[in-house]
Amino acid sequence: MTAHATVDQRGYLVRVGDKAPDFEIEMTDGTRVRLSDYAGKVVMLQFTASWCSVCRREMPVIEDEIWKINKDKDFALIGIDRDEPRDVVIEFGGKTGVTYPLGLDPGANIFGLYADKKSGVTRNVIIDKSGNIAFLTRLFQKAEFEEMKGAINTLLEE
């Protein structure tokens, strides 16, 4: 199943259990990857932007509590920066101290596959090894973040 026609209360167009919409993204280093390249891995999509204060608070926690712990497992993490030029995204990554890969989303076209473009960027999408959406977050709330970490750990054990 693909994106729903209706937007949920958090601005999502997709639901847990849906097949994650595939996309191609240009990373800050100029390489291009497709979500489908990560088939067989647990994938975290982190939608972000430099102007987002909540994102700036969340990203170092993602780095320390998710990326550093799981990067050598069957896990991939892509930070998807909404509608900003490469130099801004590279500087943003440096300022937040993240080492996970960041990609460019001009026009918020990738964001628009997952959420209404009028909704906010602080959101994470967890995708299971079969390419299905397993968990969705909105904003940076500690309880939900802990639940997401648990979901990632469970999916990695499967």
Protein backbone atom coordinates (compact mmCIF):
# COMPACT_ATOMS: atom_id res chain seq x y z
CA MET A 1 0.00 0.00 0.00
CA THR A 2 1.26 3.50 -0.76
CA ALA A 3 0.52 6.96 0.56
CA HIS A 4 -2.99 7.63 1.77
CA ALA A 5 -5.04 10.44 0.31
CA THR A 6 -5.71 11.86 3.75
CA VAL A 7 -3.36 13.58 6.15
CA ASP A 8 -3.36 12.36 9.75
CA GLN A 9 -3.37 14.69 12.77
CA ARG A 10 0.45 14.84 12.74
CA GLY A 11 0.65 15.71 9.05
CA TYR A 12 1.61 12.25 7.79
CA LEU A 13 0.40 10.90 4.45
CA VAL A 14 1.77 7.42 5.25
CA ARG A 15 0.81 5.01 8.01
CA VAL A 16 2.57 2.24 9.94
CA GLY A 17 2.37 -0.90 7.80
CA ASP A 18 2.51 0.97 4.46
CA LYS A 19 5.28 0.24 1.98
CA ALA A 20 7.71 3.15 2.31
CA PRO A 21 7.63 5.34 -0.82
CA ASP A 22 10.89 4.92 -2.73
CA PHE A 23 12.93 7.96 -3.72
CA GLU A 24 16.36 8.98 -4.92
CA ILE A 25 18.29 11.58 -2.95
CA GLU A 26 21.51 13.46 -3.54
CA MET A 27 23.75 13.36 -0.51
CA THR A 28 25.90 16.32 0.56
CA ASP A 29 28.97 14.57 -0.91
CA GLY A 30 27.30 14.48 -4.34
CA THR A 31 26.52 10.76 -4.37
CA ARG A 32 22.97 9.64 -5.12
CA VAL A 33 21.19 6.84 -3.29
CA ARG A 34 17.75 5.28 -3.49
CA LEU A 35 15.81 4.17 -0.44
CA SER A 36 15.44 0.78 -2.17
CA ASP A 37 19.27 0.44 -2.11
CA TYR A 38 18.87 -0.29 1.60
CA ALA A 39 16.52 -3.27 1.21
CA GLY A 40 17.26 -5.80 3.96
CA LYS A 41 18.31 -3.08 6.43
CA VAL A 42 16.40 -1.17 9.06
CA VAL A 43 16.27 2.43 7.80
CA MET A 44 15.66 5.65 9.69
CA LEU A 45 14.66 8.74 7.72
CA GLN A 46 15.17 11.89 9.75
CA PHE A 47 13.43 14.92 8.22
CA THR A 48 15.19 18.11 9.25
CA ALA A 49 16.20 21.68 8.37
CA SER A 50 18.79 24.10 9.76
CA TRP A 51 16.10 26.62 10.77
CA CYS A 52 14.32 24.01 12.91
CA SER A 53 15.25 24.48 16.59
CA VAL A 54 13.67 21.17 17.62
CA CYS A 55 15.73 19.38 14.92
CA ARG A 56 18.92 20.97 16.24
CA ARG A 57 18.13 19.60 19.72
CA GLU A 58 17.20 16.14 18.43
CA MET A 59 20.06 15.52 16.00
CA PRO A 60 22.90 15.15 18.56
CA VAL A 61 20.70 12.70 20.50
CA ILE A 62 20.07 10.70 17.31
CA GLU A 63 23.83 10.73 16.71
CA ASP A 64 24.70 9.46 20.22
CA GLU A 65 21.78 7.17 21.03
CA ILE A 66 20.96 5.69 17.61
CA TRP A 67 23.63 6.24 14.95
CA LYS A 68 26.80 5.53 16.97
CA ILE A 69 25.22 2.40 18.47
CA ASN A 70 23.72 0.95 15.26
CA LYS A 71 25.85 2.19 12.35
CA ASP A 72 27.79 -1.08 12.11
CA LYS A 73 24.62 -3.20 12.11
CA ASP A 74 22.03 -3.78 9.34
CA PHE A 75 20.98 -0.16 9.81
CA ALA A 76 20.96 2.95 7.65
CA LEU A 77 20.17 6.53 8.67
CA ILE A 78 19.54 9.35 6.23
CA GLY A 79 19.04 12.90 7.39
CA ILE A 80 16.81 14.54 4.77
CA ASP A 81 17.21 18.31 4.81
CA ARG A 82 14.20 20.22 3.58
CA ASP A 83 14.80 22.66 0.74
CA GLU A 84 18.22 24.08 1.66
CA PRO A 85 21.39 24.38 -0.45
CA ARG A 86 24.30 21.95 -0.01
CA ASP A 87 26.62 24.46 1.75
CA VAL A 88 23.94 25.26 4.35
CA VAL A 89 23.28 21.55 4.97
CA ILE A 90 27.00 20.76 5.32
CA GLU A 91 27.44 23.63 7.80
CA PHE A 92 24.31 22.53 9.68
CA GLY A 93 25.66 18.96 10.00
CA GLY A 94 28.92 20.33 11.35
CA LYS A 95 27.23 22.59 13.88
CA THR A 96 25.05 19.77 15.22
CA GLY A 97 28.03 17.38 15.32
CA VAL A 98 26.33 14.60 13.39
CA THR A 99 28.34 12.09 11.37
CA TYR A 100 25.39 10.32 9.80
CA PRO A 101 24.75 11.10 6.13
CA LEU A 102 22.68 14.12 5.18
CA GLY A 103 20.83 14.48 1.90
CA LEU A 104 19.22 17.32 -0.01
CA ASP A 105 15.48 17.61 -0.57
CA PRO A 106 14.94 20.58 -2.91
CA GLY A 107 11.29 21.54 -3.11
CA ALA A 108 10.58 19.16 -0.20
CA ASN A 109 9.63 16.53 -2.78
CA ILE A 110 10.82 13.59 -0.66
CA PHE A 111 9.20 15.09 2.43
CA GLY A 112 5.99 15.37 0.38
CA LEU A 113 5.95 11.60 -0.21
CA TYR A 114 5.64 11.07 3.54
CA ALA A 115 3.91 14.15 4.95
CA ASP A 116 1.88 17.16 3.92
CA LYS A 117 4.35 19.82 2.79
CA LYS A 118 2.57 22.35 5.03
CA SER A 119 3.44 20.32 8.13
CA GLY A 120 6.62 20.58 10.20
CA VAL A 121 9.90 18.82 9.56
CA THR A 122 10.80 17.38 12.93
CA ARG A 123 9.81 13.80 12.19
CA ASN A 124 11.40 10.37 11.86
CA VAL A 125 10.27 7.40 9.80
CA ILE A 126 11.50 3.92 10.74
CA ILE A 127 11.38 1.34 7.95
CA ASP A 128 11.74 -2.40 8.53
CA LYS A 129 13.97 -4.78 6.56
CA SER A 130 11.07 -5.53 4.17
CA GLY A 131 10.61 -1.85 3.31
CA ASN A 132 7.48 -1.28 5.37
CA ILE A 133 6.96 1.66 7.69
CA ALA A 134 7.30 0.45 11.27
CA PHE A 135 7.30 3.65 13.35
CA LEU A 136 6.56 7.35 12.89
CA THR A 137 7.53 10.23 15.19
CA ARG A 138 6.62 13.89 15.32
CA LEU A 139 8.56 16.52 17.24
CA PHE A 140 11.14 15.45 19.83
CA GLN A 141 9.42 13.98 22.83
CA LYS A 142 11.54 11.80 25.10
CA ALA A 143 8.92 9.06 25.64
CA GLU A 144 8.25 8.71 21.92
CA PHE A 145 12.00 8.84 21.17
CA GLU A 146 12.64 6.00 23.65
CA GLU A 147 9.80 4.01 22.08
CA MET A 148 11.36 4.58 18.64
CA LYS A 149 14.75 3.35 19.90
CA GLY A 150 13.05 0.21 21.21
CA ALA A 151 11.35 -0.34 17.86
CA ILE A 152 14.70 0.00 16.05
CA ASN A 153 16.32 -2.52 18.42
CA THR A 154 13.46 -4.99 17.96
CA LEU A 155 13.63 -4.66 14.16
CA LEU A 156 17.40 -5.17 14.16
CA GLU A 157 16.96 -8.40 16.11
CA GLU A 158 14.49 -9.84 13.56
